[in-house]
Amino acid sequence: MKILVADDHELIQQGISLFLQSYQPAAVRLQARSLPEVLDAVQAHTDIDLILLDLVMPGMHGPSSIEQIRQASPATPLAILSAHDDPLKIRTSLQAGAQGFIPKSLNREAMRHALDCILSGGIYTPARALPDDDAGPPQLTPRQYEILQLLAGGMSNKEIGQQLALSPATVRTHLSAIFQRLGVKNRTQAASQLLGRDLDTV
């Protein structure tokens, strides 16, 4: 396993490295301290299994930077490491393509759970990021909406990937994000939401 830790604070880098030594002792740990270094790393190491990304470091500009990393490495699980768990920041990060938002205040056991969830294909967020019942229809990106439409039309993951020129892993990543945004657990529930009401896109 190869894990990229992107944070410009030396103490955070050291702390995450110590945690990863116990979490995945055999993992290769890469470091980056700016957005350009992250992009260089994902280009040089196409086999990265996980990206842990701080939102506040040189070159970062919020969701647009997440999307930039996503374009460079679309199938690699990416989780945000943040000192704050602001719900709006969490939701915009997920909409931009992150598979998780991990507060730096988590204890070791909660961190293990978060990474296990993300590496198994799920999406991890703090409980406070869950939408309110009266928050209105969830927003999907245009790509997510396109995939949801194909899903509702009965296409398999493989067929969706062929239609949109995406790898199966990328389709699964998008579907996980769609399920999270819609608050559903499977394809049938997601399709029923599309067929039952109009959904906004961002």
N, C-alpha and C. Protein backbone atom coordinates (compact mmCIF):
# COMPACT_ATOMS: atom_id res chain seq x y z
N MET A 1 0.84 -1.20 0.00
CA MET A 1 0.00 0.00 0.00
C MET A 1 0.88 1.25 0.00
N LYS A 2 0.43 2.28 -0.73
CA LYS A 2 1.17 3.54 -0.82
C LYS A 2 0.22 4.68 -0.46
N ILE A 3 0.61 5.49 0.53
CA ILE A 3 -0.25 6.56 1.04
C ILE A 3 0.48 7.89 0.92
N LEU A 4 -0.19 8.87 0.32
CA LEU A 4 0.35 10.21 0.19
C LEU A 4 -0.27 11.12 1.25
N VAL A 5 0.56 11.70 2.11
CA VAL A 5 0.10 12.64 3.12
C VAL A 5 0.49 14.05 2.67
N ALA A 6 -0.51 14.89 2.43
CA ALA A 6 -0.26 16.25 1.93
C ALA A 6 -0.63 17.26 3.00
N ASP A 7 0.37 17.81 3.66
CA ASP A 7 0.18 18.79 4.71
C ASP A 7 1.48 19.55 4.88
N ASP A 8 1.40 20.88 5.02
CA ASP A 8 2.64 21.67 5.10
C ASP A 8 3.12 21.90 6.53
N HIS A 9 2.48 21.26 7.50
CA HIS A 9 2.92 21.38 8.88
C HIS A 9 3.72 20.14 9.28
N GLU A 10 4.96 20.34 9.71
CA GLU A 10 5.84 19.23 10.01
C GLU A 10 5.29 18.36 11.14
N LEU A 11 4.71 18.98 12.17
CA LEU A 11 4.18 18.20 13.28
C LEU A 11 3.03 17.30 12.84
N ILE A 12 2.18 17.81 11.93
CA ILE A 12 1.08 16.99 11.42
C ILE A 12 1.63 15.84 10.60
N GLN A 13 2.62 16.12 9.75
CA GLN A 13 3.24 15.06 8.97
C GLN A 13 3.80 13.97 9.89
N GLN A 14 4.49 14.39 10.94
CA GLN A 14 5.07 13.42 11.87
C GLN A 14 4.00 12.61 12.58
N GLY A 15 2.93 13.32 13.03
CA GLY A 15 1.86 12.63 13.74
C GLY A 15 1.13 11.62 12.87
N ILE A 16 0.82 12.01 11.63
CA ILE A 16 0.14 11.09 10.72
C ILE A 16 1.04 9.90 10.38
N SER A 17 2.34 10.16 10.19
CA SER A 17 3.28 9.08 9.89
C SER A 17 3.34 8.07 11.03
N LEU A 18 3.36 8.56 12.27
CA LEU A 18 3.36 7.65 13.42
C LEU A 18 2.09 6.81 13.47
N PHE A 19 0.95 7.46 13.18
CA PHE A 19 -0.30 6.71 13.16
C PHE A 19 -0.29 5.65 12.06
N LEU A 20 0.18 6.02 10.87
CA LEU A 20 0.17 5.08 9.75
C LEU A 20 1.12 3.91 9.98
N GLN A 21 2.17 4.13 10.76
CA GLN A 21 3.09 3.04 11.08
C GLN A 21 2.38 1.92 11.83
N SER A 22 1.42 2.28 12.66
CA SER A 22 0.66 1.25 13.39
C SER A 22 -0.55 0.78 12.58
N TYR A 23 -1.11 1.66 11.78
CA TYR A 23 -2.31 1.31 11.00
C TYR A 23 -1.96 0.39 9.83
N GLN A 24 -0.91 0.76 9.07
CA GLN A 24 -0.46 -0.04 7.94
C GLN A 24 1.08 -0.09 7.97
N PRO A 25 1.64 -0.97 8.79
CA PRO A 25 3.10 -0.98 8.98
C PRO A 25 3.91 -1.12 7.69
N ALA A 26 3.34 -1.84 6.72
CA ALA A 26 4.09 -2.09 5.49
C ALA A 26 3.87 -1.00 4.43
N ALA A 27 3.04 -0.01 4.73
CA ALA A 27 2.71 1.00 3.74
C ALA A 27 3.90 1.90 3.43
N VAL A 28 4.01 2.29 2.17
CA VAL A 28 4.98 3.30 1.76
C VAL A 28 4.33 4.67 1.95
N ARG A 29 4.97 5.54 2.72
CA ARG A 29 4.39 6.84 3.03
C ARG A 29 5.11 7.94 2.25
N LEU A 30 4.34 8.62 1.40
CA LEU A 30 4.86 9.74 0.62
C LEU A 30 4.40 11.05 1.25
N GLN A 31 5.16 12.12 1.05
CA GLN A 31 4.81 13.41 1.64
C GLN A 31 4.75 14.50 0.57
N ALA A 32 3.82 15.45 0.77
CA ALA A 32 3.73 16.64 -0.07
C ALA A 32 3.36 17.80 0.82
N ARG A 33 3.83 18.99 0.48
CA ARG A 33 3.58 20.16 1.31
C ARG A 33 2.97 21.31 0.52
N SER A 34 2.47 21.02 -0.69
CA SER A 34 1.81 22.03 -1.51
C SER A 34 1.02 21.32 -2.59
N LEU A 35 0.10 22.04 -3.23
CA LEU A 35 -0.67 21.44 -4.32
C LEU A 35 0.25 20.98 -5.46
N PRO A 36 1.23 21.80 -5.91
CA PRO A 36 2.11 21.31 -6.97
C PRO A 36 2.83 20.01 -6.60
N GLU A 37 3.22 19.87 -5.33
CA GLU A 37 3.90 18.64 -4.91
C GLU A 37 2.93 17.46 -4.94
N VAL A 38 1.66 17.70 -4.60
CA VAL A 38 0.66 16.63 -4.70
C VAL A 38 0.51 16.17 -6.14
N LEU A 39 0.38 17.13 -7.06
CA LEU A 39 0.20 16.79 -8.47
C LEU A 39 1.43 16.07 -9.02
N ASP A 40 2.62 16.50 -8.59
CA ASP A 40 3.84 15.81 -9.02
C ASP A 40 3.86 14.38 -8.50
N ALA A 41 3.42 14.20 -7.25
CA ALA A 41 3.45 12.86 -6.63
C ALA A 41 2.50 11.89 -7.33
N VAL A 42 1.27 12.35 -7.65
CA VAL A 42 0.31 11.43 -8.28
C VAL A 42 0.71 11.11 -9.72
N GLN A 43 1.47 11.99 -10.34
CA GLN A 43 1.97 11.69 -11.68
C GLN A 43 3.16 10.73 -11.63
N ALA A 44 4.00 10.88 -10.61
CA ALA A 44 5.18 10.02 -10.48
C ALA A 44 4.85 8.65 -9.90
N HIS A 45 3.78 8.59 -9.11
CA HIS A 45 3.38 7.33 -8.45
C HIS A 45 1.92 7.04 -8.81
N THR A 46 1.72 6.32 -9.89
CA THR A 46 0.36 6.04 -10.34
C THR A 46 -0.32 4.95 -9.51
N ASP A 47 0.42 4.36 -8.57
CA ASP A 47 -0.13 3.28 -7.75
C ASP A 47 -0.46 3.73 -6.33
N ILE A 48 -0.64 5.02 -6.12
CA ILE A 48 -1.02 5.51 -4.79
C ILE A 48 -2.40 4.96 -4.42
N ASP A 49 -2.52 4.45 -3.19
CA ASP A 49 -3.78 3.84 -2.74
C ASP A 49 -4.67 4.81 -1.97
N LEU A 50 -4.09 5.88 -1.44
CA LEU A 50 -4.86 6.81 -0.62
C LEU A 50 -4.14 8.16 -0.57
N ILE A 51 -4.92 9.23 -0.71
CA ILE A 51 -4.40 10.58 -0.55
C ILE A 51 -5.07 11.21 0.67
N LEU A 52 -4.27 11.70 1.62
CA LEU A 52 -4.77 12.44 2.77
C LEU A 52 -4.36 13.89 2.55
N LEU A 53 -5.34 14.78 2.41
CA LEU A 53 -5.08 16.13 1.91
C LEU A 53 -5.54 17.21 2.88
N ASP A 54 -4.62 18.11 3.22
CA ASP A 54 -4.98 19.30 4.00
C ASP A 54 -5.49 20.37 3.04
N LEU A 55 -6.56 21.05 3.40
CA LEU A 55 -7.14 22.07 2.53
C LEU A 55 -6.38 23.39 2.58
N VAL A 56 -5.58 23.60 3.65
CA VAL A 56 -4.90 24.88 3.83
C VAL A 56 -3.39 24.66 3.74
N MET A 57 -2.88 24.79 2.54
CA MET A 57 -1.43 24.71 2.31
C MET A 57 -1.14 25.41 0.99
N PRO A 58 0.11 25.73 0.68
CA PRO A 58 0.42 26.49 -0.52
C PRO A 58 -0.17 25.89 -1.80
N GLY A 59 -0.81 26.75 -2.58
CA GLY A 59 -1.38 26.33 -3.86
C GLY A 59 -2.81 25.86 -3.80
N MET A 60 -3.34 25.60 -2.59
CA MET A 60 -4.69 25.08 -2.47
C MET A 60 -5.72 26.21 -2.57
N HIS A 61 -6.80 25.93 -3.33
CA HIS A 61 -7.88 26.89 -3.49
C HIS A 61 -9.24 26.19 -3.36
N GLY A 62 -9.42 25.51 -2.25
CA GLY A 62 -10.70 24.89 -1.95
C GLY A 62 -11.10 23.79 -2.91
N PRO A 63 -12.41 23.70 -3.22
CA PRO A 63 -12.92 22.62 -4.05
C PRO A 63 -12.27 22.52 -5.43
N SER A 64 -11.87 23.65 -6.01
CA SER A 64 -11.27 23.61 -7.34
C SER A 64 -9.95 22.83 -7.33
N SER A 65 -9.22 22.90 -6.22
CA SER A 65 -7.97 22.15 -6.12
C SER A 65 -8.24 20.66 -5.94
N ILE A 66 -9.30 20.33 -5.21
CA ILE A 66 -9.69 18.92 -5.10
C ILE A 66 -10.04 18.36 -6.47
N GLU A 67 -10.79 19.14 -7.25
CA GLU A 67 -11.16 18.70 -8.60
C GLU A 67 -9.92 18.52 -9.47
N GLN A 68 -8.94 19.38 -9.28
CA GLN A 68 -7.70 19.29 -10.06
C GLN A 68 -6.95 17.99 -9.75
N ILE A 69 -6.90 17.64 -8.47
CA ILE A 69 -6.26 16.38 -8.07
C ILE A 69 -7.07 15.20 -8.60
N ARG A 70 -8.40 15.32 -8.53
CA ARG A 70 -9.27 14.27 -9.04
C ARG A 70 -9.03 14.01 -10.53
N GLN A 71 -8.84 15.07 -11.30
CA GLN A 71 -8.57 14.91 -12.72
C GLN A 71 -7.25 14.20 -12.96
N ALA A 72 -6.26 14.50 -12.13
CA ALA A 72 -4.94 13.88 -12.27
C ALA A 72 -4.94 12.43 -11.80
N SER A 73 -5.79 12.12 -10.82
CA SER A 73 -5.82 10.76 -10.26
C SER A 73 -7.26 10.41 -9.89
N PRO A 74 -8.10 10.12 -10.89
CA PRO A 74 -9.54 9.97 -10.66
C PRO A 74 -9.96 8.77 -9.82
N ALA A 75 -9.16 7.72 -9.81
CA ALA A 75 -9.59 6.50 -9.12
C ALA A 75 -9.01 6.34 -7.73
N THR A 76 -8.12 7.25 -7.32
CA THR A 76 -7.47 7.12 -6.01
C THR A 76 -8.34 7.70 -4.91
N PRO A 77 -8.67 6.94 -3.87
CA PRO A 77 -9.44 7.50 -2.75
C PRO A 77 -8.73 8.72 -2.17
N LEU A 78 -9.50 9.76 -1.92
CA LEU A 78 -8.95 11.02 -1.40
C LEU A 78 -9.77 11.46 -0.21
N ALA A 79 -9.10 11.72 0.90
CA ALA A 79 -9.78 12.19 2.11
C ALA A 79 -9.17 13.50 2.56
N ILE A 80 -10.01 14.41 3.00
CA ILE A 80 -9.56 15.70 3.51
C ILE A 80 -9.20 15.56 4.98
N LEU A 81 -8.04 16.07 5.35
CA LEU A 81 -7.65 16.20 6.76
C LEU A 81 -7.81 17.67 7.13
N SER A 82 -8.60 17.97 8.14
CA SER A 82 -8.86 19.38 8.45
C SER A 82 -8.93 19.61 9.95
N ALA A 83 -8.50 20.81 10.34
CA ALA A 83 -8.62 21.21 11.75
C ALA A 83 -10.03 21.63 12.08
N HIS A 84 -10.88 21.82 11.08
CA HIS A 84 -12.25 22.27 11.28
C HIS A 84 -13.21 21.31 10.59
N ASP A 85 -14.42 21.17 11.15
CA ASP A 85 -15.42 20.31 10.52
C ASP A 85 -16.67 21.11 10.18
N ASP A 86 -16.46 22.23 9.51
CA ASP A 86 -17.56 23.07 9.08
C ASP A 86 -18.42 22.31 8.07
N PRO A 87 -19.75 22.21 8.29
CA PRO A 87 -20.61 21.42 7.38
C PRO A 87 -20.54 21.87 5.93
N LEU A 88 -20.50 23.17 5.69
CA LEU A 88 -20.45 23.65 4.30
C LEU A 88 -19.15 23.21 3.64
N LYS A 89 -18.03 23.31 4.36
CA LYS A 89 -16.75 22.90 3.80
C LYS A 89 -16.73 21.41 3.53
N ILE A 90 -17.35 20.64 4.41
CA ILE A 90 -17.43 19.19 4.23
C ILE A 90 -18.21 18.86 2.97
N ARG A 91 -19.35 19.49 2.80
CA ARG A 91 -20.21 19.17 1.66
C ARG A 91 -19.59 19.60 0.35
N THR A 92 -18.97 20.77 0.31
CA THR A 92 -18.34 21.20 -0.94
C THR A 92 -17.14 20.32 -1.28
N SER A 93 -16.45 19.82 -0.27
CA SER A 93 -15.32 18.92 -0.52
C SER A 93 -15.81 17.61 -1.13
N LEU A 94 -16.91 17.07 -0.60
CA LEU A 94 -17.46 15.83 -1.14
C LEU A 94 -17.97 16.04 -2.56
N GLN A 95 -18.61 17.18 -2.79
CA GLN A 95 -19.10 17.48 -4.13
C GLN A 95 -17.96 17.60 -5.13
N ALA A 96 -16.80 18.04 -4.67
CA ALA A 96 -15.64 18.20 -5.55
C ALA A 96 -14.94 16.88 -5.83
N GLY A 97 -15.29 15.83 -5.09
CA GLY A 97 -14.71 14.52 -5.38
C GLY A 97 -14.02 13.81 -4.24
N ALA A 98 -13.99 14.41 -3.03
CA ALA A 98 -13.38 13.73 -1.89
C ALA A 98 -14.26 12.57 -1.43
N GLN A 99 -13.62 11.50 -0.94
CA GLN A 99 -14.37 10.36 -0.40
C GLN A 99 -14.51 10.43 1.12
N GLY A 100 -13.91 11.44 1.71
CA GLY A 100 -14.03 11.54 3.16
C GLY A 100 -13.54 12.89 3.66
N PHE A 101 -13.98 13.24 4.85
CA PHE A 101 -13.57 14.48 5.51
C PHE A 101 -13.25 14.11 6.95
N ILE A 102 -11.95 14.13 7.29
CA ILE A 102 -11.50 13.62 8.58
C ILE A 102 -10.98 14.77 9.43
N PRO A 103 -11.66 15.10 10.52
CA PRO A 103 -11.13 16.13 11.43
C PRO A 103 -9.83 15.66 12.07
N LYS A 104 -8.87 16.55 12.21
CA LYS A 104 -7.59 16.19 12.82
C LYS A 104 -7.73 15.90 14.31
N SER A 105 -8.89 16.24 14.85
CA SER A 105 -9.13 15.99 16.28
C SER A 105 -9.57 14.56 16.58
N LEU A 106 -9.77 13.73 15.56
CA LEU A 106 -10.21 12.35 15.80
C LEU A 106 -9.17 11.59 16.61
N ASN A 107 -9.65 10.70 17.47
CA ASN A 107 -8.72 9.81 18.18
C ASN A 107 -8.29 8.68 17.25
N ARG A 108 -7.34 7.88 17.71
CA ARG A 108 -6.76 6.84 16.84
C ARG A 108 -7.79 5.83 16.38
N GLU A 109 -8.70 5.43 17.26
CA GLU A 109 -9.69 4.43 16.89
C GLU A 109 -10.65 4.99 15.84
N ALA A 110 -11.07 6.24 16.02
CA ALA A 110 -11.96 6.86 15.05
C ALA A 110 -11.26 7.05 13.71
N MET A 111 -9.97 7.38 13.75
CA MET A 111 -9.19 7.53 12.51
C MET A 111 -9.10 6.20 11.77
N ARG A 112 -8.87 5.13 12.52
CA ARG A 112 -8.84 3.79 11.90
C ARG A 112 -10.17 3.50 11.20
N HIS A 113 -11.26 3.78 11.90
CA HIS A 113 -12.58 3.54 11.32
C HIS A 113 -12.78 4.35 10.05
N ALA A 114 -12.37 5.62 10.08
CA ALA A 114 -12.53 6.50 8.92
C ALA A 114 -11.75 5.96 7.73
N LEU A 115 -10.49 5.58 7.94
CA LEU A 115 -9.68 5.09 6.83
C LEU A 115 -10.17 3.73 6.33
N ASP A 116 -10.60 2.87 7.24
CA ASP A 116 -11.17 1.58 6.82
C ASP A 116 -12.37 1.80 5.92
N CYS A 117 -13.21 2.74 6.30
CA CYS A 117 -14.41 3.05 5.52
C CYS A 117 -14.04 3.53 4.12
N ILE A 118 -13.12 4.46 4.04
CA ILE A 118 -12.73 5.05 2.75
C ILE A 118 -12.03 4.03 1.87
N LEU A 119 -11.12 3.24 2.44
CA LEU A 119 -10.38 2.26 1.65
C LEU A 119 -11.25 1.11 1.18
N SER A 120 -12.38 0.89 1.84
CA SER A 120 -13.30 -0.17 1.41
C SER A 120 -14.32 0.34 0.40
N GLY A 121 -14.17 1.61 -0.01
CA GLY A 121 -15.06 2.15 -1.04
C GLY A 121 -16.18 3.02 -0.52
N GLY A 122 -16.24 3.22 0.80
CA GLY A 122 -17.30 4.05 1.37
C GLY A 122 -16.89 5.51 1.45
N ILE A 123 -17.75 6.30 2.07
CA ILE A 123 -17.51 7.72 2.27
C ILE A 123 -17.63 8.01 3.76
N TYR A 124 -16.63 8.70 4.31
CA TYR A 124 -16.65 9.03 5.73
C TYR A 124 -16.81 10.53 5.92
N THR A 125 -17.75 10.90 6.78
CA THR A 125 -17.90 12.29 7.21
C THR A 125 -18.24 12.31 8.69
N PRO A 126 -17.91 13.40 9.39
CA PRO A 126 -18.38 13.56 10.77
C PRO A 126 -19.90 13.58 10.79
N ALA A 127 -20.48 13.18 11.90
CA ALA A 127 -21.94 13.09 11.99
C ALA A 127 -22.62 14.42 11.69
N ARG A 128 -22.00 15.54 12.07
CA ARG A 128 -22.66 16.84 11.89
C ARG A 128 -22.77 17.24 10.43
N ALA A 129 -22.09 16.49 9.52
CA ALA A 129 -22.17 16.83 8.10
C ALA A 129 -23.43 16.29 7.46
N LEU A 130 -24.17 15.43 8.16
CA LEU A 130 -25.38 14.88 7.57
C LEU A 130 -26.40 15.98 7.33
N PRO A 131 -27.11 15.92 6.18
CA PRO A 131 -28.05 16.98 5.86
C PRO A 131 -29.26 16.97 6.78
N ASP A 132 -29.83 18.14 7.03
CA ASP A 132 -31.07 18.24 7.78
C ASP A 132 -32.21 17.68 6.95
N ASP A 133 -33.27 17.22 7.62
CA ASP A 133 -34.41 16.65 6.91
C ASP A 133 -35.08 17.66 6.00
N ASP A 134 -35.01 18.95 6.35
CA ASP A 134 -35.70 19.96 5.57
C ASP A 134 -34.73 20.76 4.71
N ALA A 135 -33.57 20.17 4.41
CA ALA A 135 -32.56 20.91 3.69
C ALA A 135 -32.85 21.03 2.20
N GLY A 136 -33.92 20.36 1.71
CA GLY A 136 -34.25 20.45 0.31
C GLY A 136 -33.53 19.37 -0.49
N PRO A 137 -33.74 19.34 -1.82
CA PRO A 137 -33.12 18.30 -2.63
C PRO A 137 -31.62 18.43 -2.65
N PRO A 138 -30.90 17.31 -2.57
CA PRO A 138 -29.44 17.36 -2.57
C PRO A 138 -28.92 17.81 -3.92
N GLN A 139 -27.75 18.39 -3.93
CA GLN A 139 -27.14 18.86 -5.17
C GLN A 139 -26.12 17.86 -5.67
N LEU A 140 -26.16 17.58 -6.95
CA LEU A 140 -25.21 16.70 -7.59
C LEU A 140 -24.41 17.48 -8.62
N THR A 141 -23.18 17.04 -8.85
CA THR A 141 -22.42 17.64 -9.92
C THR A 141 -23.01 17.16 -11.26
N PRO A 142 -22.73 17.87 -12.35
CA PRO A 142 -23.24 17.42 -13.65
C PRO A 142 -22.85 15.98 -13.97
N ARG A 143 -21.60 15.59 -13.67
CA ARG A 143 -21.16 14.23 -13.93
C ARG A 143 -21.92 13.22 -13.09
N GLN A 144 -22.13 13.54 -11.80
CA GLN A 144 -22.89 12.65 -10.95
C GLN A 144 -24.33 12.49 -11.45
N TYR A 145 -24.92 13.59 -11.90
CA TYR A 145 -26.29 13.55 -12.40
C TYR A 145 -26.36 12.69 -13.66
N GLU A 146 -25.37 12.80 -14.52
CA GLU A 146 -25.31 12.02 -15.75
C GLU A 146 -25.22 10.53 -15.43
N ILE A 147 -24.37 10.18 -14.46
CA ILE A 147 -24.24 8.79 -14.06
C ILE A 147 -25.53 8.27 -13.44
N LEU A 148 -26.18 9.09 -12.63
CA LEU A 148 -27.45 8.70 -12.01
C LEU A 148 -28.51 8.43 -13.07
N GLN A 149 -28.54 9.25 -14.10
CA GLN A 149 -29.51 9.04 -15.18
C GLN A 149 -29.28 7.70 -15.89
N LEU A 150 -28.01 7.37 -16.14
CA LEU A 150 -27.70 6.09 -16.78
C LEU A 150 -28.04 4.92 -15.86
N LEU A 151 -27.76 5.10 -14.57
CA LEU A 151 -28.11 4.06 -13.59
C LEU A 151 -29.61 3.82 -13.59
N ALA A 152 -30.38 4.90 -13.58
CA ALA A 152 -31.84 4.78 -13.57
C ALA A 152 -32.35 4.15 -14.87
N GLY A 153 -31.55 4.26 -15.94
CA GLY A 153 -31.94 3.63 -17.20
C GLY A 153 -31.61 2.15 -17.26
N GLY A 154 -31.06 1.63 -16.18
CA GLY A 154 -30.80 0.19 -16.09
C GLY A 154 -29.40 -0.24 -16.45
N MET A 155 -28.49 0.70 -16.66
CA MET A 155 -27.12 0.33 -17.03
C MET A 155 -26.34 -0.20 -15.84
N SER A 156 -25.47 -1.17 -16.10
CA SER A 156 -24.54 -1.66 -15.08
C SER A 156 -23.37 -0.70 -14.94
N ASN A 157 -22.54 -0.90 -13.90
CA ASN A 157 -21.34 -0.08 -13.74
C ASN A 157 -20.44 -0.16 -14.97
N LYS A 158 -20.29 -1.36 -15.51
CA LYS A 158 -19.44 -1.56 -16.68
C LYS A 158 -20.00 -0.80 -17.88
N GLU A 159 -21.31 -0.85 -18.06
CA GLU A 159 -21.93 -0.16 -19.20
C GLU A 159 -21.84 1.36 -19.04
N ILE A 160 -21.99 1.84 -17.81
CA ILE A 160 -21.85 3.28 -17.55
C ILE A 160 -20.43 3.72 -17.88
N GLY A 161 -19.45 2.92 -17.45
CA GLY A 161 -18.06 3.25 -17.73
C GLY A 161 -17.77 3.30 -19.21
N GLN A 162 -18.33 2.34 -19.97
CA GLN A 162 -18.13 2.33 -21.41
C GLN A 162 -18.79 3.52 -22.07
N GLN A 163 -19.96 3.88 -21.59
CA GLN A 163 -20.70 5.00 -22.16
C GLN A 163 -19.96 6.32 -21.94
N LEU A 164 -19.35 6.49 -20.76
CA LEU A 164 -18.73 7.76 -20.39
C LEU A 164 -17.20 7.72 -20.45
N ALA A 165 -16.65 6.60 -20.94
CA ALA A 165 -15.19 6.44 -21.02
C ALA A 165 -14.54 6.59 -19.64
N LEU A 166 -15.12 5.92 -18.64
CA LEU A 166 -14.61 5.94 -17.28
C LEU A 166 -14.23 4.52 -16.87
N SER A 167 -13.25 4.40 -15.98
CA SER A 167 -12.88 3.09 -15.46
C SER A 167 -13.94 2.61 -14.47
N PRO A 168 -14.07 1.29 -14.26
CA PRO A 168 -15.02 0.79 -13.27
C PRO A 168 -14.79 1.38 -11.88
N ALA A 169 -13.52 1.57 -11.50
CA ALA A 169 -13.22 2.15 -10.18
C ALA A 169 -13.75 3.58 -10.08
N THR A 170 -13.62 4.35 -11.16
CA THR A 170 -14.11 5.73 -11.14
C THR A 170 -15.63 5.76 -11.05
N VAL A 171 -16.30 4.85 -11.75
CA VAL A 171 -17.76 4.77 -11.68
C VAL A 171 -18.19 4.45 -10.25
N ARG A 172 -17.50 3.50 -9.61
CA ARG A 172 -17.84 3.16 -8.23
C ARG A 172 -17.64 4.34 -7.30
N THR A 173 -16.56 5.09 -7.53
CA THR A 173 -16.30 6.27 -6.70
C THR A 173 -17.42 7.29 -6.85
N HIS A 174 -17.84 7.54 -8.08
CA HIS A 174 -18.94 8.49 -8.31
C HIS A 174 -20.23 7.99 -7.67
N LEU A 175 -20.50 6.69 -7.78
CA LEU A 175 -21.73 6.15 -7.20
C LEU A 175 -21.73 6.28 -5.69
N SER A 176 -20.58 6.05 -5.06
CA SER A 176 -20.50 6.22 -3.61
C SER A 176 -20.83 7.65 -3.22
N ALA A 177 -20.30 8.60 -3.98
CA ALA A 177 -20.59 10.01 -3.69
C ALA A 177 -22.07 10.33 -3.92
N ILE A 178 -22.65 9.76 -4.97
CA ILE A 178 -24.08 9.97 -5.25
C ILE A 178 -24.93 9.42 -4.12
N PHE A 179 -24.62 8.22 -3.66
CA PHE A 179 -25.40 7.61 -2.58
C PHE A 179 -25.32 8.47 -1.32
N GLN A 180 -24.10 9.00 -1.04
CA GLN A 180 -23.92 9.85 0.12
C GLN A 180 -24.76 11.11 0.01
N ARG A 181 -24.72 11.74 -1.16
CA ARG A 181 -25.46 12.99 -1.35
C ARG A 181 -26.96 12.78 -1.26
N LEU A 182 -27.46 11.65 -1.78
CA LEU A 182 -28.89 11.38 -1.77
C LEU A 182 -29.37 10.76 -0.46
N GLY A 183 -28.43 10.29 0.36
CA GLY A 183 -28.81 9.64 1.61
C GLY A 183 -29.44 8.28 1.40
N VAL A 184 -28.96 7.55 0.38
CA VAL A 184 -29.50 6.22 0.07
C VAL A 184 -28.41 5.18 0.23
N LYS A 185 -28.81 3.90 0.18
CA LYS A 185 -27.87 2.82 0.42
C LYS A 185 -27.59 1.96 -0.81
N ASN A 186 -28.42 2.07 -1.85
CA ASN A 186 -28.21 1.21 -3.00
C ASN A 186 -28.70 1.86 -4.29
N ARG A 187 -28.51 1.17 -5.41
CA ARG A 187 -28.84 1.69 -6.73
C ARG A 187 -30.33 1.91 -6.90
N THR A 188 -31.12 0.98 -6.36
CA THR A 188 -32.57 1.08 -6.51
C THR A 188 -33.11 2.34 -5.83
N GLN A 189 -32.64 2.60 -4.61
CA GLN A 189 -33.09 3.80 -3.90
C GLN A 189 -32.65 5.07 -4.62
N ALA A 190 -31.43 5.06 -5.17
CA ALA A 190 -30.94 6.23 -5.89
C ALA A 190 -31.78 6.49 -7.13
N ALA A 191 -32.07 5.43 -7.88
CA ALA A 191 -32.88 5.59 -9.09
C ALA A 191 -34.28 6.08 -8.77
N SER A 192 -34.84 5.59 -7.67
CA SER A 192 -36.20 6.01 -7.31
C SER A 192 -36.25 7.49 -6.96
N GLN A 193 -35.16 8.02 -6.37
CA GLN A 193 -35.13 9.45 -6.08
C GLN A 193 -35.11 10.27 -7.37
N LEU A 194 -34.36 9.80 -8.37
CA LEU A 194 -34.31 10.51 -9.64
C LEU A 194 -35.67 10.48 -10.31
N LEU A 195 -36.32 9.32 -10.29
CA LEU A 195 -37.60 9.18 -10.96
C LEU A 195 -38.73 9.86 -10.20
N GLY A 196 -38.51 10.04 -8.88
CA GLY A 196 -39.57 10.58 -8.06
C GLY A 196 -39.59 12.09 -7.95
N ARG A 197 -38.45 12.76 -8.24
CA ARG A 197 -38.40 14.20 -8.11
C ARG A 197 -37.22 14.76 -8.89
N ASP A 198 -37.27 16.03 -9.17
CA ASP A 198 -36.17 16.69 -9.84
C ASP A 198 -35.05 16.96 -8.85
N LEU A 199 -33.81 16.81 -9.28
CA LEU A 199 -32.66 17.05 -8.43
C LEU A 199 -31.86 18.20 -8.99
N ASP A 200 -31.35 19.03 -8.10
CA ASP A 200 -30.52 20.16 -8.52
C ASP A 200 -29.13 19.69 -8.89
N THR A 201 -28.45 20.40 -9.76
CA THR A 201 -27.05 20.15 -10.05
C THR A 201 -26.25 21.40 -9.75
N VAL A 202 -24.96 21.19 -9.49
CA VAL A 202 -24.07 22.33 -9.20
C VAL A 202 -23.00 22.39 -10.28
